[in-house]
């Protein structure tokens, strides 16, 4: 039911239709018209369709530039991906594609455009004009986060929540992920585990902390060779070197599925059976890991939900509302390995 509206002076012939005029004709508020023309989910589908049809009949054009000037916003959020794509580690993987899906879904519903860029693109005028920045990945020693922070825009980060109380960070419960991997190995009777990753990255450090602390309660200390890259070949090379020096290990927890797949490849090449001789657990629960032979046991994190949260928090910062860091749950998906 439309509410009574104050009468407006008649428009002069040829005078462009304003949003207030369209709101008067539709029997709704101007903000409802604005939301409807931006496809906001805050307006029900029937009302959106009716307002759009009326706007088309009246020849109304939504002046986005004027709206942005009035708000002093570009209505754009820059999404910075902290990774160097390679043939083995592509942008089309669950990270970052699923995160980007959640981010785009939420931001476009709120009337914002998404500008996908890299650290090298930070000096572009379009990035400098963005209302806020979402950084996907803190980088080793949080170097990427510190660089983006210098841009002076509201910022939300995907990564390790434990590393920075001063920043708004969304991340998965990496500590629990490491704990779950350790508990599975213990349940399988494994006593000589390995952690494959690089603790210079906050998320990997959290995974190692959960893994190591759980094993410590059983008097076990894992081997922790450092792997500088997150690729299949890097995982294979690390395990070949490990087998030369410490061939007795019987379990391997990799900080990513790609590293885990590389580890399995190296183990099979060296005559070790998976999982009979060595149990392997990955992280991310990617489609590649699920369909690999043997199918990979992995720690699942929900990238789509994380992307939605990142978007909601940057919108809150842009609009001057409070926002807090948040940790999403993780769980183990048990398969053959």
C-alpha atoms as a PDB file:
ATOM      1  CA  UNK A   1       0.000   0.000   0.000  1.00  0.00           C
ATOM      2  CA  UNK A   2       1.513   3.336  -1.028  1.00  0.00           C
ATOM      3  CA  UNK A   3       1.746   6.102   1.547  1.00  0.00           C
ATOM      4  CA  UNK A   4       0.289   9.609   0.985  1.00  0.00           C
ATOM      5  CA  UNK A   5       2.746  11.929  -0.685  1.00  0.00           C
ATOM      6  CA  UNK A   6       3.060  15.697  -0.682  1.00  0.00           C
ATOM      7  CA  UNK A   7       1.805  17.278  -3.893  1.00  0.00           C
ATOM      8  CA  UNK A   8       4.510  18.450  -6.300  1.00  0.00           C
ATOM      9  CA  UNK A   9       4.328  21.362  -8.727  1.00  0.00           C
ATOM     10  CA  UNK A  10       3.624  20.201 -12.265  1.00  0.00           C
ATOM     11  CA  UNK A  11       6.618  19.686 -14.538  1.00  0.00           C
ATOM     12  CA  UNK A  12       7.118  22.042 -17.392  1.00  0.00           C
ATOM     13  CA  UNK A  13       6.875  20.594 -20.881  1.00  0.00           C
ATOM     14  CA  UNK A  14      10.245  19.188 -21.969  1.00  0.00           C
ATOM     15  CA  UNK A  15      11.642  19.258 -18.458  1.00  0.00           C
ATOM     16  CA  UNK A  16      13.489  15.958 -17.670  1.00  0.00           C
ATOM     17  CA  UNK A  17      11.779  13.550 -15.317  1.00  0.00           C
ATOM     18  CA  UNK A  18      13.462  13.435 -11.892  1.00  0.00           C
ATOM     19  CA  UNK A  19      13.632  10.536  -9.477  1.00  0.00           C
ATOM     20  CA  UNK A  20      11.173  12.379  -7.241  1.00  0.00           C
ATOM     21  CA  UNK A  21       8.764  12.627 -10.182  1.00  0.00           C
ATOM     22  CA  UNK A  22       9.080   8.906 -10.876  1.00  0.00           C
ATOM     23  CA  UNK A  23       8.574   8.132  -7.174  1.00  0.00           C
ATOM     24  CA  UNK A  24       5.402  10.259  -7.216  1.00  0.00           C
ATOM     25  CA  UNK A  25       4.062   8.396 -10.232  1.00  0.00           C
ATOM     26  CA  UNK A  26       4.910   5.003  -8.704  1.00  0.00           C
ATOM     27  CA  UNK A  27       3.545   5.884  -5.272  1.00  0.00           C
ATOM     28  CA  UNK A  28       6.782   4.973  -3.505  1.00  0.00           C
ATOM     29  CA  UNK A  29       9.730   6.808  -1.965  1.00  0.00           C
ATOM     30  CA  UNK A  30      12.662   8.109  -4.020  1.00  0.00           C
ATOM     31  CA  UNK A  31      15.020   5.703  -2.232  1.00  0.00           C
ATOM     32  CA  UNK A  32      12.792   2.791  -3.301  1.00  0.00           C
ATOM     33  CA  UNK A  33      13.036   3.983  -6.900  1.00  0.00           C
ATOM     34  CA  UNK A  34      16.813   4.260  -6.597  1.00  0.00           C
ATOM     35  CA  UNK A  35      17.085   0.755  -5.172  1.00  0.00           C
ATOM     36  CA  UNK A  36      14.721  -0.721  -7.735  1.00  0.00           C
ATOM     37  CA  UNK A  37      16.694   0.719 -10.644  1.00  0.00           C
ATOM     38  CA  UNK A  38      19.866  -0.766  -9.144  1.00  0.00           C
ATOM     39  CA  UNK A  39      18.235  -4.203  -8.770  1.00  0.00           C
ATOM     40  CA  UNK A  40      18.622  -4.082  -5.007  1.00  0.00           C
ATOM     41  CA  UNK A  41      17.232  -7.162  -3.209  1.00  0.00           C
ATOM     42  CA  UNK A  42      15.804  -4.760  -0.618  1.00  0.00           C
ATOM     43  CA  UNK A  43      12.940  -4.102  -3.055  1.00  0.00           C
ATOM     44  CA  UNK A  44      10.612  -7.010  -3.844  1.00  0.00           C
ATOM     45  CA  UNK A  45      10.682  -8.301  -7.442  1.00  0.00           C
ATOM     46  CA  UNK A  46       7.137  -7.139  -8.280  1.00  0.00           C
ATOM     47  CA  UNK A  47       7.840  -3.548  -7.180  1.00  0.00           C
ATOM     48  CA  UNK A  48      11.163  -3.527  -9.016  1.00  0.00           C
ATOM     49  CA  UNK A  49       9.510  -4.679 -12.229  1.00  0.00           C
ATOM     50  CA  UNK A  50       6.715  -2.114 -11.903  1.00  0.00           C
ATOM     51  CA  UNK A  51       9.134   0.784 -11.304  1.00  0.00           C
ATOM     52  CA  UNK A  52      11.387  -0.274 -14.185  1.00  0.00           C
ATOM     53  CA  UNK A  53       8.426  -0.542 -16.539  1.00  0.00           C
ATOM     54  CA  UNK A  54       7.189   2.906 -15.482  1.00  0.00           C
ATOM     55  CA  UNK A  55      10.686   4.389 -15.904  1.00  0.00           C
ATOM     56  CA  UNK A  56      10.883   2.974 -19.419  1.00  0.00           C
ATOM     57  CA  UNK A  57       7.437   4.286 -20.309  1.00  0.00           C
ATOM     58  CA  UNK A  58       8.363   7.760 -19.059  1.00  0.00           C
ATOM     59  CA  UNK A  59      11.803   7.746 -20.695  1.00  0.00           C
ATOM     60  CA  UNK A  60      13.546   8.137 -17.336  1.00  0.00           C
ATOM     61  CA  UNK A  61      17.336   7.677 -17.294  1.00  0.00           C
ATOM     62  CA  UNK A  62      19.004   6.861 -13.974  1.00  0.00           C
ATOM     63  CA  UNK A  63      21.842   9.386 -13.676  1.00  0.00           C
ATOM     64  CA  UNK A  64      24.538   7.306 -12.039  1.00  0.00           C
ATOM     65  CA  UNK A  65      27.179  10.048 -12.301  1.00  0.00           C
ATOM     66  CA  UNK A  66      24.963  12.548 -10.505  1.00  0.00           C
ATOM     67  CA  UNK A  67      24.146  10.017  -7.794  1.00  0.00           C
ATOM     68  CA  UNK A  68      27.834   9.232  -7.254  1.00  0.00           C
ATOM     69  CA  UNK A  69      28.759  12.924  -7.185  1.00  0.00           C
ATOM     70  CA  UNK A  70      26.097  13.551  -4.574  1.00  0.00           C
ATOM     71  CA  UNK A  71      27.380  10.699  -2.427  1.00  0.00           C
ATOM     72  CA  UNK A  72      31.025  11.624  -3.126  1.00  0.00           C
ATOM     73  CA  UNK A  73      31.669   8.005  -4.025  1.00  0.00           C
ATOM     74  CA  UNK A  74      32.815   6.155  -7.109  1.00  0.00           C
ATOM     75  CA  UNK A  75      30.571   3.178  -6.188  1.00  0.00           C
ATOM     76  CA  UNK A  76      33.558   0.949  -6.973  1.00  0.00           C
ATOM     77  CA  UNK A  77      35.475  -1.510  -4.774  1.00  0.00           C
ATOM     78  CA  UNK A  78      38.935  -2.651  -5.866  1.00  0.00           C
ATOM     79  CA  UNK A  79      39.631  -6.354  -5.293  1.00  0.00           C
ATOM     80  CA  UNK A  80      43.363  -7.044  -5.168  1.00  0.00           C
ATOM     81  CA  UNK A  81      44.500 -10.640  -5.693  1.00  0.00           C
ATOM     82  CA  UNK A  82      47.841 -11.320  -4.021  1.00  0.00           C
ATOM     83  CA  UNK A  83      49.108 -14.131  -6.204  1.00  0.00           C
ATOM     84  CA  UNK A  84      51.197 -14.647  -9.311  1.00  0.00           C
ATOM     85  CA  UNK A  85      49.228 -16.892 -11.659  1.00  0.00           C
ATOM     86  CA  UNK A  86      51.177 -19.722 -13.281  1.00  0.00           C
ATOM     87  CA  UNK A  87      50.291 -22.697 -15.474  1.00  0.00           C
ATOM     88  CA  UNK A  88      50.087 -24.814 -12.304  1.00  0.00           C
ATOM     89  CA  UNK A  89      48.354 -22.226 -10.093  1.00  0.00           C
ATOM     90  CA  UNK A  90      45.726 -20.373 -12.075  1.00  0.00           C
ATOM     91  CA  UNK A  91      43.209 -17.659 -11.272  1.00  0.00           C
ATOM     92  CA  UNK A  92      40.470 -20.126 -12.239  1.00  0.00           C
ATOM     93  CA  UNK A  93      41.021 -22.208  -9.108  1.00  0.00           C
ATOM     94  CA  UNK A  94      38.696 -22.190  -6.081  1.00  0.00           C
ATOM     95  CA  UNK A  95      41.062 -19.591  -4.711  1.00  0.00           C
ATOM     96  CA  UNK A  96      40.457 -16.916  -5.809  1.00  0.00           C
ATOM     97  CA  UNK A  97      37.506 -17.599  -8.143  1.00  0.00           C
ATOM     98  CA  UNK A  98      35.003 -18.716  -5.484  1.00  0.00           C
ATOM     99  CA  UNK A  99      35.964 -15.790  -3.271  1.00  0.00           C
ATOM    100  CA  UNK A 100      35.456 -13.419  -6.202  1.00  0.00           C
ATOM    101  CA  UNK A 101      32.056 -14.972  -6.859  1.00  0.00           C
ATOM    102  CA  UNK A 102      30.858 -14.240  -3.326  1.00  0.00           C
ATOM    103  CA  UNK A 103      32.322 -10.726  -3.407  1.00  0.00           C
ATOM    104  CA  UNK A 104      30.760  -9.847  -6.772  1.00  0.00           C
ATOM    105  CA  UNK A 105      27.378 -11.273  -5.793  1.00  0.00           C
ATOM    106  CA  UNK A 106      27.184  -9.051  -2.717  1.00  0.00           C
ATOM    107  CA  UNK A 107      28.712  -5.856  -4.129  1.00  0.00           C
ATOM    108  CA  UNK A 108      26.700  -5.781  -7.340  1.00  0.00           C
ATOM    109  CA  UNK A 109      23.494  -6.315  -5.343  1.00  0.00           C
ATOM    110  CA  UNK A 110      24.423  -3.187  -3.394  1.00  0.00           C
ATOM    111  CA  UNK A 111      24.976  -1.175  -6.590  1.00  0.00           C
ATOM    112  CA  UNK A 112      28.780  -1.304  -6.581  1.00  0.00           C
ATOM    113  CA  UNK A 113      31.134  -2.174  -9.415  1.00  0.00           C
ATOM    114  CA  UNK A 114      34.027  -4.573  -8.821  1.00  0.00           C
ATOM    115  CA  UNK A 115      37.479  -3.630 -10.087  1.00  0.00           C
ATOM    116  CA  UNK A 116      39.774  -6.681 -10.197  1.00  0.00           C
ATOM    117  CA  UNK A 117      43.440  -5.741  -9.989  1.00  0.00           C
ATOM    118  CA  UNK A 118      46.853  -6.727  -8.602  1.00  0.00           C
ATOM    119  CA  UNK A 119      49.374  -5.062  -6.340  1.00  0.00           C
ATOM    120  CA  UNK A 120      51.086  -3.678  -9.437  1.00  0.00           C
ATOM    121  CA  UNK A 121      47.809  -2.006 -10.459  1.00  0.00           C
ATOM    122  CA  UNK A 122      47.526  -0.021  -7.234  1.00  0.00           C
ATOM    123  CA  UNK A 123      48.741   3.222  -8.808  1.00  0.00           C
ATOM    124  CA  UNK A 124      46.029   3.225 -11.501  1.00  0.00           C
ATOM    125  CA  UNK A 125      43.614   6.183 -11.230  1.00  0.00           C
ATOM    126  CA  UNK A 126      40.627   3.812 -11.144  1.00  0.00           C
ATOM    127  CA  UNK A 127      42.088   2.014  -8.115  1.00  0.00           C
ATOM    128  CA  UNK A 128      42.940   5.255  -6.326  1.00  0.00           C
ATOM    129  CA  UNK A 129      39.333   6.434  -6.873  1.00  0.00           C
ATOM    130  CA  UNK A 130      37.812   3.243  -5.418  1.00  0.00           C
ATOM    131  CA  UNK A 131      35.740   3.660  -2.262  1.00  0.00           C
ATOM    132  CA  UNK A 132      37.419   0.660  -0.632  1.00  0.00           C
ATOM    133  CA  UNK A 133      39.762  -2.267  -1.180  1.00  0.00           C
ATOM    134  CA  UNK A 134      39.397  -6.009  -0.559  1.00  0.00           C
ATOM    135  CA  UNK A 135      42.776  -7.761  -0.428  1.00  0.00           C
ATOM    136  CA  UNK A 136      42.775 -11.491  -1.124  1.00  0.00           C
ATOM    137  CA  UNK A 137      45.878 -12.808   0.641  1.00  0.00           C
ATOM    138  CA  UNK A 138      48.097 -11.043   3.166  1.00  0.00           C
ATOM    139  CA  UNK A 139      51.342 -12.140   1.529  1.00  0.00           C
ATOM    140  CA  UNK A 140      54.463 -13.514   3.183  1.00  0.00           C
ATOM    141  CA  UNK A 141      55.102 -11.598   6.417  1.00  0.00           C
ATOM    142  CA  UNK A 142      51.950  -9.540   5.573  1.00  0.00           C
ATOM    143  CA  UNK A 143      53.937  -7.527   3.016  1.00  0.00           C
ATOM    144  CA  UNK A 144      50.960  -7.299   0.617  1.00  0.00           C
ATOM    145  CA  UNK A 145      48.709  -6.028   3.382  1.00  0.00           C
ATOM    146  CA  UNK A 146      51.169  -3.321   4.381  1.00  0.00           C
ATOM    147  CA  UNK A 147      51.504  -2.179   0.766  1.00  0.00           C
ATOM    148  CA  UNK A 148      47.746  -1.890   0.213  1.00  0.00           C
ATOM    149  CA  UNK A 149      47.368  -0.144   3.561  1.00  0.00           C
ATOM    150  CA  UNK A 150      49.534   2.677   2.192  1.00  0.00           C
ATOM    151  CA  UNK A 151      46.891   3.407  -0.449  1.00  0.00           C
ATOM    152  CA  UNK A 152      44.832   5.031   2.284  1.00  0.00           C
ATOM    153  CA  UNK A 153      41.486   3.414   1.409  1.00  0.00           C
ATOM    154  CA  UNK A 154      39.143   1.462   3.700  1.00  0.00           C
ATOM    155  CA  UNK A 155      40.431  -2.116   3.548  1.00  0.00           C
ATOM    156  CA  UNK A 156      39.271  -5.630   4.396  1.00  0.00           C
ATOM    157  CA  UNK A 157      41.636  -8.604   4.106  1.00  0.00           C
ATOM    158  CA  UNK A 158      41.246 -12.330   3.461  1.00  0.00           C
ATOM    159  CA  UNK A 159      43.817 -14.204   5.519  1.00  0.00           C
ATOM    160  CA  UNK A 160      44.935 -15.057   9.037  1.00  0.00           C
ATOM    161  CA  UNK A 161      42.753 -13.311  11.615  1.00  0.00           C
ATOM    162  CA  UNK A 162      45.306 -13.918  14.379  1.00  0.00           C
ATOM    163  CA  UNK A 163      48.011 -11.846  12.711  1.00  0.00           C
ATOM    164  CA  UNK A 164      46.519  -8.319  12.940  1.00  0.00           C
ATOM    165  CA  UNK A 165      44.023  -6.970  15.434  1.00  0.00           C
ATOM    166  CA  UNK A 166      44.247  -3.511  13.835  1.00  0.00           C
ATOM    167  CA  UNK A 167      42.845  -4.693  10.480  1.00  0.00           C
ATOM    168  CA  UNK A 168      39.464  -6.138   9.534  1.00  0.00           C
ATOM    169  CA  UNK A 169      40.265  -9.687   8.430  1.00  0.00           C
ATOM    170  CA  UNK A 170      38.018 -12.532   7.299  1.00  0.00           C
ATOM    171  CA  UNK A 171      39.540 -16.001   7.399  1.00  0.00           C
ATOM    172  CA  UNK A 172      38.866 -19.675   7.954  1.00  0.00           C
ATOM    173  CA  UNK A 173      39.530 -21.488  11.212  1.00  0.00           C
ATOM    174  CA  UNK A 174      43.002 -22.607  10.152  1.00  0.00           C
ATOM    175  CA  UNK A 175      43.927 -23.660  13.683  1.00  0.00           C
ATOM    176  CA  UNK A 176      41.012 -26.086  13.719  1.00  0.00           C
ATOM    177  CA  UNK A 177      41.946 -27.288  10.231  1.00  0.00           C
ATOM    178  CA  UNK A 178      45.404 -28.245  11.491  1.00  0.00           C
ATOM    179  CA  UNK A 179      43.918 -29.872  14.588  1.00  0.00           C
ATOM    180  CA  UNK A 180      41.551 -31.983  12.457  1.00  0.00           C
ATOM    181  CA  UNK A 181      44.418 -33.191  10.266  1.00  0.00           C
ATOM    182  CA  UNK A 182      46.457 -34.190  13.315  1.00  0.00           C
ATOM    183  CA  UNK A 183      43.515 -36.017  14.886  1.00  0.00           C
ATOM    184  CA  UNK A 184      42.940 -38.036  11.719  1.00  0.00           C
ATOM    185  CA  UNK A 185      46.585 -39.111  11.573  1.00  0.00           C
ATOM    186  CA  UNK A 186      46.489 -40.090  15.238  1.00  0.00           C
ATOM    187  CA  UNK A 187      43.320 -42.104  14.679  1.00  0.00           C
ATOM    188  CA  UNK A 188      45.075 -43.916  11.811  1.00  0.00           C
ATOM    189  CA  UNK A 189      48.008 -44.736  14.076  1.00  0.00           C
ATOM    190  CA  UNK A 190      50.495 -42.485  12.252  1.00  0.00           C
ATOM    191  CA  UNK A 191      53.433 -41.381  14.414  1.00  0.00           C
ATOM    192  CA  UNK A 192      55.908 -39.758  11.985  1.00  0.00           C
ATOM    193  CA  UNK A 193      54.064 -36.837  10.329  1.00  0.00           C
ATOM    194  CA  UNK A 194      55.220 -34.024   8.043  1.00  0.00           C
ATOM    195  CA  UNK A 195      53.780 -30.533   7.520  1.00  0.00           C
ATOM    196  CA  UNK A 196      54.373 -29.157   4.021  1.00  0.00           C
ATOM    197  CA  UNK A 197      54.081 -25.375   3.728  1.00  0.00           C
ATOM    198  CA  UNK A 198      55.670 -22.011   4.508  1.00  0.00           C
ATOM    199  CA  UNK A 199      54.822 -20.494   7.898  1.00  0.00           C
ATOM    200  CA  UNK A 200      55.885 -17.032   6.656  1.00  0.00           C
ATOM    201  CA  UNK A 201      52.295 -16.912   5.361  1.00  0.00           C
ATOM    202  CA  UNK A 202      49.873 -16.282   8.204  1.00  0.00           C
ATOM    203  CA  UNK A 203      47.265 -18.829   7.132  1.00  0.00           C
ATOM    204  CA  UNK A 204      49.878 -21.578   6.809  1.00  0.00           C
ATOM    205  CA  UNK A 205      51.342 -20.640  10.200  1.00  0.00           C
ATOM    206  CA  UNK A 206      47.906 -21.027  11.811  1.00  0.00           C
ATOM    207  CA  UNK A 207      47.466 -24.451  10.182  1.00  0.00           C
ATOM    208  CA  UNK A 208      50.865 -25.540  11.452  1.00  0.00           C
ATOM    209  CA  UNK A 209      50.102 -24.242  14.967  1.00  0.00           C
ATOM    210  CA  UNK A 210      46.906 -26.309  15.180  1.00  0.00           C
ATOM    211  CA  UNK A 211      48.646 -29.356  13.743  1.00  0.00           C
ATOM    212  CA  UNK A 212      51.721 -29.132  15.943  1.00  0.00           C
ATOM    213  CA  UNK A 213      49.922 -28.368  19.224  1.00  0.00           C
ATOM    214  CA  UNK A 214      47.562 -31.334  18.797  1.00  0.00           C
ATOM    215  CA  UNK A 215      50.442 -33.704  18.038  1.00  0.00           C
ATOM    216  CA  UNK A 216      52.469 -32.314  20.952  1.00  0.00           C
ATOM    217  CA  UNK A 217      49.819 -33.655  23.329  1.00  0.00           C
ATOM    218  CA  UNK A 218      50.862 -37.133  22.128  1.00  0.00           C
ATOM    219  CA  UNK A 219      54.612 -36.507  22.282  1.00  0.00           C
ATOM    220  CA  UNK A 220      54.954 -36.099  18.494  1.00  0.00           C
ATOM    221  CA  UNK A 221      56.845 -33.324  16.692  1.00  0.00           C
ATOM    222  CA  UNK A 222      56.252 -33.105  12.910  1.00  0.00           C
ATOM    223  CA  UNK A 223      58.917 -32.477  10.301  1.00  0.00           C
ATOM    224  CA  UNK A 224      58.390 -29.027   8.740  1.00  0.00           C
ATOM    225  CA  UNK A 225      60.284 -28.573   5.438  1.00  0.00           C
ATOM    226  CA  UNK A 226      59.701 -25.109   3.937  1.00  0.00           C
ATOM    227  CA  UNK A 227      58.099 -24.937   0.495  1.00  0.00           C
ATOM    228  CA  UNK A 228      58.344 -21.556  -1.220  1.00  0.00           C
ATOM    229  CA  UNK A 229      55.627 -22.067  -3.837  1.00  0.00           C
ATOM    230  CA  UNK A 230      52.098 -23.489  -3.728  1.00  0.00           C
ATOM    231  CA  UNK A 231      52.223 -25.676  -6.831  1.00  0.00           C
ATOM    232  CA  UNK A 232      52.138 -29.368  -7.724  1.00  0.00           C
ATOM    233  CA  UNK A 233      55.775 -29.344  -8.848  1.00  0.00           C
ATOM    234  CA  UNK A 234      56.895 -27.579  -5.657  1.00  0.00           C
ATOM    235  CA  UNK A 235      55.152 -30.235  -3.565  1.00  0.00           C
ATOM    236  CA  UNK A 236      56.752 -33.026  -5.595  1.00  0.00           C
ATOM    237  CA  UNK A 237      60.244 -31.531  -5.342  1.00  0.00           C
ATOM    238  CA  UNK A 238      59.908 -31.061  -1.586  1.00  0.00           C
ATOM    239  CA  UNK A 239      58.842 -34.684  -1.045  1.00  0.00           C
ATOM    240  CA  UNK A 240      61.619 -36.062  -3.251  1.00  0.00           C
ATOM    241  CA  UNK A 241      64.109 -34.151  -1.079  1.00  0.00           C
ATOM    242  CA  UNK A 242      62.356 -35.302   2.077  1.00  0.00           C
ATOM    243  CA  UNK A 243      62.489 -38.948   1.040  1.00  0.00           C
ATOM    244  CA  UNK A 244      66.252 -38.633   0.540  1.00  0.00           C
ATOM    245  CA  UNK A 245      66.757 -37.281   4.064  1.00  0.00           C
ATOM    246  CA  UNK A 246      63.869 -38.654   6.189  1.00  0.00           C
ATOM    247  CA  UNK A 247      62.327 -41.640   4.368  1.00  0.00           C
ATOM    248  CA  UNK A 248      60.626 -42.939   7.506  1.00  0.00           C
ATOM    249  CA  UNK A 249      57.670 -40.476   7.586  1.00  0.00           C
ATOM    250  CA  UNK A 250      54.208 -42.068   7.383  1.00  0.00           C
ATOM    251  CA  UNK A 251      51.842 -39.059   7.178  1.00  0.00           C
ATOM    252  CA  UNK A 252      51.866 -35.738   5.346  1.00  0.00           C
ATOM    253  CA  UNK A 253      49.657 -32.677   5.902  1.00  0.00           C
ATOM    254  CA  UNK A 254      50.013 -30.158   3.059  1.00  0.00           C
ATOM    255  CA  UNK A 255      48.978 -26.518   3.407  1.00  0.00           C
ATOM    256  CA  UNK A 256      47.143 -26.676   0.055  1.00  0.00           C
ATOM    257  CA  UNK A 257      45.638 -29.321  -2.211  1.00  0.00           C
ATOM    258  CA  UNK A 258      48.138 -28.523  -4.983  1.00  0.00           C
ATOM    259  CA  UNK A 259      51.049 -29.246  -2.625  1.00  0.00           C
ATOM    260  CA  UNK A 260      49.333 -32.452  -1.491  1.00  0.00           C
ATOM    261  CA  UNK A 261      48.839 -33.661  -5.087  1.00  0.00           C
ATOM    262  CA  UNK A 262      52.500 -32.989  -5.827  1.00  0.00           C
ATOM    263  CA  UNK A 263      53.444 -34.918  -2.686  1.00  0.00           C
ATOM    264  CA  UNK A 264      51.350 -37.919  -3.765  1.00  0.00           C
ATOM    265  CA  UNK A 265      52.939 -37.844  -7.208  1.00  0.00           C
ATOM    266  CA  UNK A 266      56.445 -37.923  -5.712  1.00  0.00           C
ATOM    267  CA  UNK A 267      55.542 -40.684  -3.252  1.00  0.00           C
ATOM    268  CA  UNK A 268      54.185 -42.907  -6.026  1.00  0.00           C
ATOM    269  CA  UNK A 269      57.228 -42.226  -8.206  1.00  0.00           C
ATOM    270  CA  UNK A 270      59.423 -43.409  -5.331  1.00  0.00           C
ATOM    271  CA  UNK A 271      57.440 -46.604  -4.773  1.00  0.00           C
ATOM    272  CA  UNK A 272      55.509 -45.484  -1.696  1.00  0.00           C
ATOM    273  CA  UNK A 273      51.827 -46.433  -1.531  1.00  0.00           C
ATOM    274  CA  UNK A 274      49.181 -43.833  -0.657  1.00  0.00           C
ATOM    275  CA  UNK A 275      47.515 -44.239   1.781  1.00  0.00           C
ATOM    276  CA  UNK A 276      48.919 -47.642   2.839  1.00  0.00           C
ATOM    277  CA  UNK A 277      52.482 -46.385   3.462  1.00  0.00           C
ATOM    278  CA  UNK A 278      51.828 -42.648   3.785  1.00  0.00           C
ATOM    279  CA  UNK A 279      48.534 -40.919   4.607  1.00  0.00           C
ATOM    280  CA  UNK A 280      48.108 -37.510   2.908  1.00  0.00           C
ATOM    281  CA  UNK A 281      45.789 -34.605   3.767  1.00  0.00           C
ATOM    282  CA  UNK A 282      45.445 -31.399   1.752  1.00  0.00           C
ATOM    283  CA  UNK A 283      43.747 -28.074   2.366  1.00  0.00           C
ATOM    284  CA  UNK A 284      40.962 -26.210   0.474  1.00  0.00           C
ATOM    285  CA  UNK A 285      38.927 -29.262  -0.649  1.00  0.00           C
ATOM    286  CA  UNK A 286      39.233 -28.338  -4.329  1.00  0.00           C
ATOM    287  CA  UNK A 287      37.453 -30.170  -7.178  1.00  0.00           C
ATOM    288  CA  UNK A 288      40.880 -31.231  -8.450  1.00  0.00           C
ATOM    289  CA  UNK A 289      41.706 -32.896  -5.134  1.00  0.00           C
ATOM    290  CA  UNK A 290      38.313 -34.593  -4.940  1.00  0.00           C
ATOM    291  CA  UNK A 291      38.709 -36.172  -8.394  1.00  0.00           C
ATOM    292  CA  UNK A 292      42.421 -36.999  -8.134  1.00  0.00           C
ATOM    293  CA  UNK A 293      43.474 -40.648  -7.971  1.00  0.00           C
ATOM    294  CA  UNK A 294      43.588 -41.520  -5.173  1.00  0.00           C
ATOM    295  CA  UNK A 295      40.909 -38.974  -4.077  1.00  0.00           C
ATOM    296  CA  UNK A 296      42.395 -36.499  -1.631  1.00  0.00           C
ATOM    297  CA  UNK A 297      41.301 -36.103   1.979  1.00  0.00           C
ATOM    298  CA  UNK A 298      41.240 -32.363   2.595  1.00  0.00           C
ATOM    299  CA  UNK A 299      40.209 -29.545   4.929  1.00  0.00           C
ATOM    300  CA  UNK A 300      37.200 -27.664   3.541  1.00  0.00           C
ATOM    301  CA  UNK A 301      36.805 -23.893   3.761  1.00  0.00           C
ATOM    302  CA  UNK A 302      33.819 -22.064   2.268  1.00  0.00           C
ATOM    303  CA  UNK A 303      35.230 -19.451  -0.107  1.00  0.00           C
ATOM    304  CA  UNK A 304      31.844 -18.238  -1.394  1.00  0.00           C
ATOM    305  CA  UNK A 305      30.534 -17.401   2.087  1.00  0.00           C
ATOM    306  CA  UNK A 306      33.881 -15.771   2.848  1.00  0.00           C
ATOM    307  CA  UNK A 307      33.571 -13.584  -0.244  1.00  0.00           C
ATOM    308  CA  UNK A 308      30.096 -12.438   0.819  1.00  0.00           C
ATOM    309  CA  UNK A 309      31.439 -11.558   4.276  1.00  0.00           C
ATOM    310  CA  UNK A 310      34.378  -9.621   2.830  1.00  0.00           C
ATOM    311  CA  UNK A 311      31.976  -7.574   0.700  1.00  0.00           C
ATOM    312  CA  UNK A 312      29.621  -6.858   3.590  1.00  0.00           C
ATOM    313  CA  UNK A 313      32.469  -5.679   5.780  1.00  0.00           C
ATOM    314  CA  UNK A 314      33.968  -3.329   3.180  1.00  0.00           C
ATOM    315  CA  UNK A 315      30.490  -1.853   2.573  1.00  0.00           C
ATOM    316  CA  UNK A 316      30.173  -1.270   6.317  1.00  0.00           C
ATOM    317  CA  UNK A 317      33.509   0.550   6.427  1.00  0.00           C
ATOM    318  CA  UNK A 318      32.635   2.670   3.380  1.00  0.00           C
ATOM    319  CA  UNK A 319      29.323   3.671   4.976  1.00  0.00           C
ATOM    320  CA  UNK A 320      30.896   4.414   8.364  1.00  0.00           C
ATOM    321  CA  UNK A 321      29.324   1.454  10.141  1.00  0.00           C
ATOM    322  CA  UNK A 322      31.232  -0.805  12.573  1.00  0.00           C
ATOM    323  CA  UNK A 323      32.873  -4.006  11.298  1.00  0.00           C
ATOM    324  CA  UNK A 324      34.840  -6.743  13.015  1.00  0.00           C
ATOM    325  CA  UNK A 325      37.145  -9.537  11.941  1.00  0.00           C
ATOM    326  CA  UNK A 326      35.461 -12.911  11.547  1.00  0.00           C
ATOM    327  CA  UNK A 327      36.517 -16.577  11.373  1.00  0.00           C
ATOM    328  CA  UNK A 328      34.554 -19.125   9.334  1.00  0.00           C
ATOM    329  CA  UNK A 329      34.342 -22.809  10.338  1.00  0.00           C
ATOM    330  CA  UNK A 330      36.360 -25.551   8.647  1.00  0.00           C
ATOM    331  CA  UNK A 331      35.807 -29.293   8.502  1.00  0.00           C
ATOM    332  CA  UNK A 332      37.633 -32.369   7.255  1.00  0.00           C
ATOM    333  CA  UNK A 333      36.375 -34.195   4.158  1.00  0.00           C
ATOM    334  CA  UNK A 334      37.649 -37.787   4.448  1.00  0.00           C
ATOM    335  CA  UNK A 335      38.418 -39.665   1.233  1.00  0.00           C
ATOM    336  CA  UNK A 336      40.821 -42.470   0.314  1.00  0.00           C
ATOM    337  CA  UNK A 337      44.039 -40.708   1.302  1.00  0.00           C
END
